[in-house]
Protein backbone atom coordinates (compact mmCIF):
# COMPACT_ATOMS: atom_id res chain seq x y z
CA MET A 1 -103.85 124.53 31.57
CA ARG A 2 -104.85 123.47 35.06
CA GLY A 3 -102.14 121.58 36.93
CA PHE A 4 -99.32 123.20 35.00
CA GLY A 5 -97.53 126.52 35.24
CA HIS A 6 -94.75 128.36 33.57
CA ASP A 7 -92.21 126.42 35.61
CA GLY A 8 -93.37 122.98 34.48
CA PRO A 9 -95.63 120.30 35.93
CA SER A 10 -97.39 120.91 39.21
CA PRO A 11 -95.96 119.09 42.24
CA TRP A 12 -99.37 117.46 42.53
CA THR A 13 -100.80 115.63 39.54
CA ASP A 14 -104.01 114.09 40.93
CA LEU A 15 -106.50 116.93 40.54
CA GLU A 16 -108.85 115.28 43.05
CA ARG A 17 -106.15 115.54 45.71
CA PRO A 18 -105.01 119.16 46.03
CA PRO A 19 -102.34 119.98 48.60
CA LEU A 20 -103.13 121.48 51.98
CA ASP A 21 -102.57 125.21 52.34
CA GLY A 22 -100.32 125.51 55.39
CA ALA A 23 -100.41 129.30 55.49
CA ARG A 24 -104.20 129.36 55.47
CA LEU A 25 -104.39 126.70 58.19
CA ARG A 26 -101.99 128.68 60.38
CA ARG A 27 -103.97 131.85 59.84
CA ASP A 28 -107.19 130.10 60.87
CA LEU A 29 -105.88 128.06 63.80
CA VAL A 30 -102.86 129.79 65.36
CA ARG A 31 -104.13 132.71 67.41
CA PRO A 32 -102.72 134.56 70.46
CA ASP A 33 -105.55 133.37 72.69
CA GLY A 34 -105.88 129.90 71.11
CA PHE A 35 -104.50 126.48 71.97
CA TRP A 36 -102.58 125.77 68.77
CA THR A 37 -99.13 127.36 68.68
CA ALA A 38 -97.80 126.06 65.35
CA VAL A 39 -99.25 124.29 62.31
CA ASP A 40 -96.70 122.97 59.83
CA VAL A 41 -97.46 121.08 56.63
CA VAL A 42 -94.66 119.11 54.94
CA THR A 43 -94.77 117.39 51.57
CA GLU A 44 -93.20 114.17 52.80
CA THR A 45 -91.56 112.74 55.90
CA GLY A 46 -90.83 109.43 57.52
CA SER A 47 -93.18 109.80 60.47
CA THR A 48 -94.86 112.89 61.90
CA ASN A 49 -94.73 111.30 65.35
CA THR A 50 -90.96 110.81 65.10
CA ASP A 51 -90.40 114.35 63.84
CA LEU A 52 -92.56 115.98 66.51
CA ALA A 53 -90.99 113.80 69.22
CA ALA A 54 -87.61 115.23 68.29
CA ARG A 55 -89.02 118.75 68.57
CA ALA A 56 -90.50 117.91 71.97
CA LYS A 57 -87.07 116.90 73.25
CA GLU A 58 -85.80 120.30 72.13
CA GLY A 59 -88.45 122.02 74.24
CA GLU A 60 -91.17 122.71 71.67
CA PRO A 61 -94.22 124.09 73.54
CA GLU A 62 -97.60 122.44 73.69
CA GLY A 63 -99.95 122.97 70.78
CA ALA A 64 -97.65 122.21 67.84
CA VAL A 65 -99.21 120.36 64.90
CA LEU A 66 -97.28 118.60 62.16
CA VAL A 67 -99.13 117.41 59.07
CA ALA A 68 -97.57 115.37 56.25
CA GLU A 69 -98.97 115.00 52.77
CA SER A 70 -97.16 111.65 52.65
CA GLN A 71 -95.36 109.43 55.16
CA ASN A 72 -92.83 106.82 54.06
CA ALA A 73 -92.24 105.30 57.49
CA GLY A 74 -95.61 105.72 59.18
CA ARG A 75 -96.22 103.46 62.15
CA GLY A 76 -99.23 102.01 63.87
CA ARG A 77 -99.56 100.07 67.08
CA LEU A 78 -97.17 97.15 67.60
CA GLU A 79 -94.74 98.81 65.15
CA ARG A 80 -96.92 97.91 62.16
CA GLN A 81 -96.00 99.78 59.01
CA TRP A 82 -98.61 102.08 57.54
CA SER A 83 -98.64 103.93 54.24
CA ALA A 84 -101.04 105.61 51.81
CA PRO A 85 -100.85 107.59 48.55
CA ALA A 86 -99.80 111.23 48.88
CA ARG A 87 -102.60 113.66 49.81
CA SER A 88 -105.10 110.80 50.18
CA GLY A 89 -105.70 111.33 53.88
CA LEU A 90 -104.99 113.28 57.02
CA PHE A 91 -101.66 112.24 58.52
CA LEU A 92 -100.77 114.35 61.53
CA SER A 93 -99.33 114.53 65.02
CA VAL A 94 -99.91 116.99 67.86
CA LEU A 95 -97.63 117.82 70.78
CA LEU A 96 -99.25 117.86 74.21
CA ARG A 97 -97.98 118.78 77.67
CA PRO A 98 -100.99 118.12 79.92
CA THR A 99 -99.99 120.19 82.96
CA GLY A 100 -101.78 119.14 86.12
CA VAL A 101 -102.78 115.74 84.77
CA PRO A 102 -101.27 112.70 86.55
CA VAL A 103 -99.11 110.58 84.24
CA GLU A 104 -101.26 107.55 84.97
CA ARG A 105 -104.14 109.30 83.17
CA TYR A 106 -102.16 109.90 79.97
CA GLY A 107 -103.61 106.64 78.66
CA TRP A 108 -106.85 108.51 78.04
CA LEU A 109 -105.26 110.66 75.34
CA PRO A 110 -105.65 108.21 72.42
CA ILE A 111 -109.26 107.79 73.51
CA LEU A 112 -109.71 111.56 73.53
CA VAL A 113 -108.23 111.82 70.03
CA GLY A 114 -110.63 109.11 68.88
CA VAL A 115 -113.67 110.85 70.35
CA ALA A 116 -112.63 114.15 68.73
CA ALA A 117 -112.13 112.48 65.35
CA ALA A 118 -115.37 110.48 65.46
CA THR A 119 -117.35 113.52 66.59
CA THR A 120 -115.89 115.72 63.86
CA LEU A 121 -116.36 113.21 61.05
CA GLY A 122 -119.88 112.49 62.19
CA ARG A 123 -120.78 116.18 62.12
CA VAL A 124 -118.82 117.39 59.09
CA ALA A 125 -118.69 114.32 56.83
CA GLU A 126 -122.13 113.14 58.01
CA LEU A 127 -120.93 109.61 58.63
CA GLU A 128 -121.46 107.29 61.56
CA VAL A 129 -117.94 106.64 62.80
CA GLY A 130 -117.37 104.07 65.54
CA LEU A 131 -114.41 103.56 67.84
CA LYS A 132 -112.84 100.15 68.27
CA TRP A 133 -110.92 99.84 71.52
CA PRO A 134 -108.30 101.04 71.95
CA ASN A 135 -107.43 103.18 68.92
CA ASP A 136 -109.21 102.44 65.63
CA LEU A 137 -111.81 104.46 63.73
CA LEU A 138 -114.43 102.32 61.99
CA VAL A 139 -117.05 102.90 59.29
CA THR A 140 -119.45 100.60 57.50
CA VAL A 141 -118.95 100.06 53.77
CA ASP A 142 -121.28 97.74 51.84
CA GLY A 143 -122.56 96.31 55.11
CA ALA A 144 -119.10 95.46 56.45
CA GLU A 145 -117.27 97.14 59.31
CA ARG A 146 -113.94 98.48 58.06
CA LYS A 147 -111.03 100.50 59.44
CA LEU A 148 -110.98 104.19 58.54
CA GLY A 149 -108.01 105.28 60.61
CA GLY A 150 -105.90 104.80 63.68
CA ILE A 151 -104.21 106.59 66.57
CA LEU A 152 -100.75 106.22 68.09
CA THR A 153 -99.51 108.09 71.18
CA GLU A 154 -95.97 108.20 72.50
CA LEU A 155 -94.06 109.91 75.29
CA SER A 156 -91.11 112.14 74.36
CA GLY A 157 -89.26 114.88 76.21
CA GLY A 158 -91.90 114.99 78.93
CA ALA A 159 -94.59 115.51 76.29
CA VAL A 160 -97.17 113.28 74.67
CA ILE A 161 -97.11 112.99 70.89
CA ALA A 162 -100.52 111.96 69.58
CA GLY A 163 -100.58 110.77 65.98
CA LEU A 164 -103.70 110.31 63.86
CA GLY A 165 -104.16 108.88 60.39
CA VAL A 166 -107.49 109.02 58.56
CA ASN A 167 -108.05 107.69 55.04
CA VAL A 168 -109.94 110.35 53.12
CA SER A 169 -109.95 109.69 49.36
CA LEU A 170 -108.43 106.21 48.97
CA ARG A 171 -110.01 104.22 46.18
CA GLU A 172 -110.77 100.53 46.51
CA SER A 173 -107.68 99.62 44.45
CA GLU A 174 -105.46 101.71 46.76
CA LEU A 175 -106.48 100.15 50.07
CA PRO A 176 -103.54 98.57 51.93
CA VAL A 177 -105.72 95.71 53.19
CA PRO A 178 -109.23 94.53 52.24
CA ASN A 179 -110.77 95.56 55.59
CA ALA A 180 -109.60 99.19 55.25
CA ALA A 181 -111.88 102.03 54.15
CA SER A 182 -111.88 105.73 53.35
CA LEU A 183 -114.32 108.58 53.81
CA THR A 184 -115.00 108.57 50.07
CA LEU A 185 -115.78 104.86 50.00
CA ALA A 186 -118.07 105.26 53.00
CA GLY A 187 -120.07 107.96 51.20
CA ALA A 188 -118.93 111.06 53.10
CA GLU A 189 -120.83 114.23 52.32
CA VAL A 190 -117.66 116.29 52.84
CA ALA A 191 -114.16 115.02 52.03
CA ASP A 192 -112.25 118.29 51.76
CA ARG A 193 -109.15 117.74 53.86
CA GLU A 194 -108.69 121.34 55.00
CA THR A 195 -112.29 121.58 56.15
CA LEU A 196 -111.97 118.31 58.06
CA LEU A 197 -108.59 119.14 59.58
CA ARG A 198 -109.67 122.58 60.74
CA ALA A 199 -112.81 121.18 62.37
CA LEU A 200 -110.91 118.26 63.91
CA LEU A 201 -108.27 120.45 65.56
CA ARG A 202 -110.89 122.81 66.94
CA GLU A 203 -112.90 119.91 68.34
CA PHE A 204 -109.83 118.33 69.89
CA ALA A 205 -108.70 121.58 71.51
CA GLU A 206 -112.10 121.98 73.18
CA LEU A 207 -112.26 118.42 74.48
CA TYR A 208 -108.63 118.47 75.59
CA GLY A 209 -109.18 121.71 77.49
CA GLU A 210 -112.11 120.17 79.38
CA TRP A 211 -110.07 117.04 80.15
CA VAL A 212 -107.05 119.01 81.45
CA ALA A 213 -109.32 121.28 83.52
CA ALA A 214 -110.65 118.12 85.18
CA ALA A 215 -107.07 116.91 85.85
CA GLY A 216 -107.61 114.10 83.38
CA ASP A 217 -110.58 112.64 85.24
CA PRO A 218 -112.56 110.73 82.58
CA HIS A 219 -115.81 111.03 84.52
CA ALA A 220 -115.64 114.72 85.48
CA SER A 221 -114.57 115.73 81.97
CA GLY A 222 -117.29 113.64 80.33
CA LEU A 223 -114.74 111.73 78.27
CA LEU A 224 -115.66 108.25 79.48
CA PRO A 225 -119.39 108.46 78.65
CA ALA A 226 -118.60 110.15 75.33
CA TYR A 227 -116.25 107.32 74.42
CA ALA A 228 -118.60 104.56 75.61
CA ALA A 229 -121.38 105.99 73.43
CA ARG A 230 -119.18 105.61 70.33
CA CYS A 231 -117.27 102.45 71.20
CA THR A 232 -118.42 99.66 68.89
CA THR A 233 -116.43 97.10 70.88
CA LEU A 234 -118.77 97.25 73.87
CA GLY A 235 -121.51 94.66 74.05
CA ARG A 236 -119.82 92.38 71.50
CA PRO A 237 -117.99 89.07 71.60
CA VAL A 238 -114.27 89.72 71.27
CA ARG A 239 -111.00 87.91 71.00
CA VAL A 240 -108.17 89.85 72.61
CA GLN A 241 -104.61 88.96 71.67
CA LEU A 242 -102.56 89.83 74.74
CA PRO A 243 -98.83 90.49 75.09
CA GLY A 244 -96.86 87.28 75.39
CA GLY A 245 -99.01 85.34 72.94
CA ARG A 246 -101.92 84.84 75.33
CA GLU A 247 -105.54 85.20 74.23
CA LEU A 248 -108.67 86.26 76.03
CA VAL A 249 -112.14 85.44 74.70
CA GLY A 250 -115.41 86.82 76.03
CA GLU A 251 -117.82 89.74 75.83
CA ALA A 252 -116.58 93.34 76.06
CA VAL A 253 -118.82 94.80 78.75
CA ALA A 254 -117.22 98.11 79.82
CA VAL A 255 -114.34 100.52 79.74
CA ASP A 256 -113.18 101.22 83.30
CA GLY A 257 -111.92 104.40 84.92
CA ASP A 258 -108.38 103.64 83.78
CA GLY A 259 -109.38 103.26 80.13
CA ARG A 260 -109.03 99.47 80.24
CA LEU A 261 -111.39 97.18 78.36
CA VAL A 262 -113.37 94.93 80.70
CA VAL A 263 -114.06 91.48 79.24
CA ARG A 264 -116.50 89.01 80.78
CA THR A 265 -115.26 85.48 80.12
CA PRO A 266 -117.60 82.50 79.56
CA ASP A 267 -117.26 81.50 83.25
CA GLY A 268 -118.59 84.90 84.34
CA GLN A 269 -115.29 86.38 85.47
CA ARG A 270 -114.39 89.94 84.53
CA GLN A 271 -110.88 90.79 83.37
CA ALA A 272 -109.58 94.29 82.65
CA VAL A 273 -107.22 94.58 79.68
CA ALA A 274 -104.80 97.50 79.48
CA ALA A 275 -103.21 96.57 76.14
CA GLY A 276 -104.03 94.09 73.42
CA ASP A 277 -105.21 93.57 69.88
CA VAL A 278 -109.00 93.23 69.76
CA VAL A 279 -110.87 91.24 67.13
CA HIS A 280 -114.64 91.68 66.88
CA VAL A 281 -116.08 88.22 66.32
CA ARG A 282 -119.47 86.84 65.46
CA PRO A 283 -121.20 85.03 68.33
CA GLU A 284 -120.66 81.62 66.70
CA GLN A 285 -116.92 82.35 66.53
CA ALA A 286 -116.53 83.38 70.16
């Protein structure tokens, strides 16, 4: 009987959510002349970012990937807690040591992850995926813009740990908040996690290589125009909640060479924002 063996029940009981095959992923992605040096899949952990950060401090080389079938202490920006049913998404972190790139350009890495993810999902899942500044993946479900995933980068041991979470098969009843979404709910043509993960890592490695070769220059590498073309925040009224409880209201008009969001306020002034929580608002709410 499918799902059971001679040793008792299978460790996975939802037949629509099979586990990732770590050995097959390593065979496909870890090659002598390739970028990825290790691909590990664990059944459960607190946070892939935390685990990989510890490995970075121990000297783990660039190109390590850690994927968790389930996280029980996943984190988003501003230390928000994040969780999802086991095997319902892609929950992973990658270890990067961008040699030759000035530290002040490391802020482009979450943007690069976002572009790689949106490009991959657009091509493989055949969905239009937008990027909300600075680190959210968006899709439209039933005419409403909803969050598909998010990105969190951290420094550790001289390395950058880039974490990505994408909801793949979450059902409406499983969504953590009403404005969340999944590839399945958005009508993805392909929702096989191994197919998506393999394509995503290959896309990221290519874009990252171009960015490092350009010393992190967002113009020379093509990253800035690629991001601007997918950024759904641009050209819209926004409300930006800034550190310290301040708020900025205006129209998002650009992303500058430092990856900051440029907001034009009602008096015509332009203000660049390096960090903040952005809310897309309707014109009558601005």
